[in-house]
Amino acid sequence: MKNGHAGKFIVMALALFAAPLVQAAPQVVELTQVPCQFLESEQGIDQGFKSTKIQDCEAINARTGDARLARAVVLKLKPGKAVFRVTNRNVPYELGFWLRGAALISRATLPNVSGGGLITGKTQDYIIDLKPGEYVYSCPLNPTPNYRLVVE
């Protein structure tokens, strides 16, 4: 090939082969746990709950959980890779995170992610490839309400 066309051909060929490997950056959702709640899910309002053990949150949620869920923010995300970046802010015991299908049947068909190890002050990432559907997320160790997430 004359006049530098070979170089252009190689660059175009590399671009064609590399294109499928390039993926969009994952969606990042930052969530902050304080005693018995996720701040962002409750419109950033810290309810000021005090908890030194799981049973404290169970009692608080029995009294306030339904009303708080009625006002809670429903997260809306697009399908694809997502990183849930969860921080334990001032909860004096180990926490976790659990995201799963909202209905019993969707728990079998939708992806889920869970884990623990969130000691006070620690931030941890939970990575998932979201499919369309309705999910809930919570912390079973810092019992929180089951906040909603819709993927469409």
Protein backbone atom coordinates (compact mmCIF):
# COMPACT_ATOMS: atom_id res chain seq x y z
CA MET A 1 0.00 0.00 0.00
CA LYS A 2 1.28 3.42 -0.91
CA ASN A 3 1.30 6.79 0.81
CA GLY A 4 0.87 5.51 4.38
CA HIS A 5 -2.38 3.65 3.72
CA ALA A 6 -1.00 0.52 5.39
CA GLY A 7 -0.65 2.38 8.68
CA LYS A 8 -4.22 3.67 8.47
CA PHE A 9 -5.47 0.17 7.69
CA ILE A 10 -3.73 -1.26 10.75
CA VAL A 11 -5.14 1.47 13.01
CA MET A 12 -8.68 0.87 11.66
CA ALA A 13 -8.34 -2.90 12.08
CA LEU A 14 -7.16 -2.50 15.68
CA ALA A 15 -10.04 -0.16 16.42
CA LEU A 16 -12.55 -2.70 15.06
CA PHE A 17 -11.13 -5.53 17.15
CA ALA A 18 -10.80 -3.44 20.33
CA ALA A 19 -14.27 -1.85 20.15
CA PRO A 20 -16.20 -4.82 21.60
CA LEU A 21 -13.81 -4.91 24.57
CA VAL A 22 -14.62 -1.36 25.64
CA GLN A 23 -17.46 -1.33 28.16
CA ALA A 24 -19.29 1.50 29.85
CA ALA A 25 -18.15 2.39 33.34
CA PRO A 26 -20.28 0.76 36.04
CA GLN A 27 -22.95 2.79 37.81
CA VAL A 28 -21.76 3.69 41.31
CA VAL A 29 -24.32 4.00 44.11
CA GLU A 30 -22.98 5.34 47.40
CA LEU A 31 -24.90 4.31 50.50
CA THR A 32 -24.21 5.26 54.10
CA GLN A 33 -25.40 3.14 57.00
CA VAL A 34 -26.12 4.73 60.36
CA PRO A 35 -27.97 2.90 63.13
CA CYS A 36 -31.05 1.14 61.67
CA GLN A 37 -31.09 2.97 58.32
CA PHE A 38 -29.44 3.89 55.03
CA LEU A 39 -29.18 7.69 54.91
CA GLU A 40 -29.57 8.19 51.16
CA SER A 41 -32.63 5.93 51.07
CA GLU A 42 -34.34 8.11 53.65
CA GLN A 43 -33.74 11.36 51.75
CA GLY A 44 -30.46 11.98 53.61
CA ILE A 45 -32.28 12.44 56.92
CA ASP A 46 -30.48 10.89 59.88
CA GLN A 47 -33.27 9.77 62.19
CA GLY A 48 -30.87 9.86 65.16
CA PHE A 49 -31.52 6.28 66.17
CA LYS A 50 -29.23 4.74 68.81
CA SER A 51 -28.22 1.11 68.56
CA THR A 52 -25.67 -1.06 70.29
CA LYS A 53 -27.10 -4.38 69.08
CA ILE A 54 -29.38 -5.86 66.42
CA GLN A 55 -32.38 -6.02 68.76
CA ASP A 56 -32.36 -2.19 69.10
CA CYS A 57 -32.99 -1.80 65.36
CA GLU A 58 -35.58 -4.56 65.31
CA ALA A 59 -37.61 -2.64 67.93
CA ILE A 60 -37.11 0.71 66.15
CA ASN A 61 -38.16 -0.72 62.78
CA ALA A 62 -41.22 -2.39 64.31
CA ARG A 63 -42.37 1.09 65.42
CA THR A 64 -41.17 3.27 62.51
CA GLY A 65 -40.25 1.06 59.53
CA ASP A 66 -43.52 1.22 57.56
CA ALA A 67 -43.78 5.02 57.79
CA ARG A 68 -40.13 5.46 56.83
CA LEU A 69 -40.51 3.14 53.82
CA ALA A 70 -43.55 5.10 52.63
CA ARG A 71 -41.31 8.21 52.38
CA ALA A 72 -38.16 6.42 51.22
CA VAL A 73 -36.43 7.16 47.92
CA VAL A 74 -36.89 4.41 45.32
CA LEU A 75 -33.56 3.99 43.53
CA LYS A 76 -33.84 3.78 39.74
CA LEU A 77 -30.95 2.37 37.73
CA LYS A 78 -30.33 1.09 34.24
CA PRO A 79 -29.43 -2.55 33.58
CA GLY A 80 -25.73 -3.36 33.64
CA LYS A 81 -22.80 -3.42 35.98
CA ALA A 82 -23.28 -1.51 39.24
CA VAL A 83 -21.09 -0.90 42.26
CA PHE A 84 -22.84 -0.38 45.57
CA ARG A 85 -20.31 1.47 47.74
CA VAL A 86 -21.52 1.05 51.32
CA THR A 87 -20.08 2.83 54.37
CA ASN A 88 -20.60 2.07 58.06
CA ARG A 89 -20.83 5.47 59.73
CA ASN A 90 -20.96 5.24 63.51
CA VAL A 91 -22.63 1.86 63.91
CA PRO A 92 -20.64 0.17 66.70
CA TYR A 93 -20.89 -3.36 65.32
CA GLU A 94 -20.17 -5.17 62.05
CA LEU A 95 -22.61 -4.54 59.20
CA GLY A 96 -23.30 -5.99 55.77
CA PHE A 97 -25.32 -5.41 52.63
CA TRP A 98 -27.87 -7.57 50.81
CA LEU A 99 -29.45 -6.78 47.40
CA ARG A 100 -31.95 -9.28 45.95
CA GLY A 101 -35.13 -9.63 43.93
CA ALA A 102 -38.13 -7.99 45.61
CA ALA A 103 -40.55 -10.90 45.19
CA LEU A 104 -39.96 -14.50 46.15
CA ILE A 105 -40.03 -15.64 42.51
CA SER A 106 -37.63 -12.88 41.40
CA ARG A 107 -35.13 -13.93 44.05
CA ALA A 108 -34.62 -17.04 41.94
CA THR A 109 -34.39 -15.19 38.62
CA LEU A 110 -32.64 -11.89 39.42
CA PRO A 111 -29.00 -11.57 40.44
CA ASN A 112 -28.15 -10.81 44.06
CA VAL A 113 -25.16 -9.72 46.05
CA SER A 114 -24.42 -9.82 49.76
CA GLY A 115 -21.59 -9.65 52.22
CA GLY A 116 -20.47 -8.48 55.62
CA GLY A 117 -17.29 -7.17 57.15
CA LEU A 118 -18.32 -3.52 57.41
CA ILE A 119 -16.80 -2.45 60.70
CA THR A 120 -17.22 1.12 61.96
CA GLY A 121 -15.73 3.61 59.49
CA LYS A 122 -15.16 1.06 56.72
CA THR A 123 -16.40 1.39 53.13
CA GLN A 124 -16.81 -1.68 50.94
CA ASP A 125 -17.88 -2.23 47.31
CA TYR A 126 -20.49 -4.80 46.29
CA ILE A 127 -20.49 -5.43 42.53
CA ILE A 128 -23.45 -6.81 40.58
CA ASP A 129 -24.65 -7.03 36.98
CA LEU A 130 -28.22 -5.74 37.28
CA LYS A 131 -31.01 -7.14 35.12
CA PRO A 132 -34.37 -5.38 34.63
CA GLY A 133 -36.75 -5.90 37.53
CA GLU A 134 -37.61 -4.88 41.07
CA TYR A 135 -35.14 -5.39 43.89
CA VAL A 136 -34.88 -4.64 47.58
CA TYR A 137 -31.75 -3.93 49.60
CA SER A 138 -31.09 -3.89 53.31
CA CYS A 139 -28.64 -4.77 56.01
CA PRO A 140 -29.63 -7.83 58.02
CA LEU A 141 -26.92 -7.13 60.64
CA ASN A 142 -28.02 -3.51 61.23
CA PRO A 143 -31.61 -4.37 60.55
CA THR A 144 -32.93 -1.77 58.13
CA PRO A 145 -36.16 -1.66 56.17
CA ASN A 146 -36.17 -3.32 52.75
CA TYR A 147 -35.57 -0.29 50.52
CA ARG A 148 -36.67 -0.52 46.87
CA LEU A 149 -34.58 -0.46 43.69
CA VAL A 150 -36.11 -0.53 40.20
CA VAL A 151 -33.96 -1.47 37.20
CA GLU A 152 -35.40 -0.52 33.79
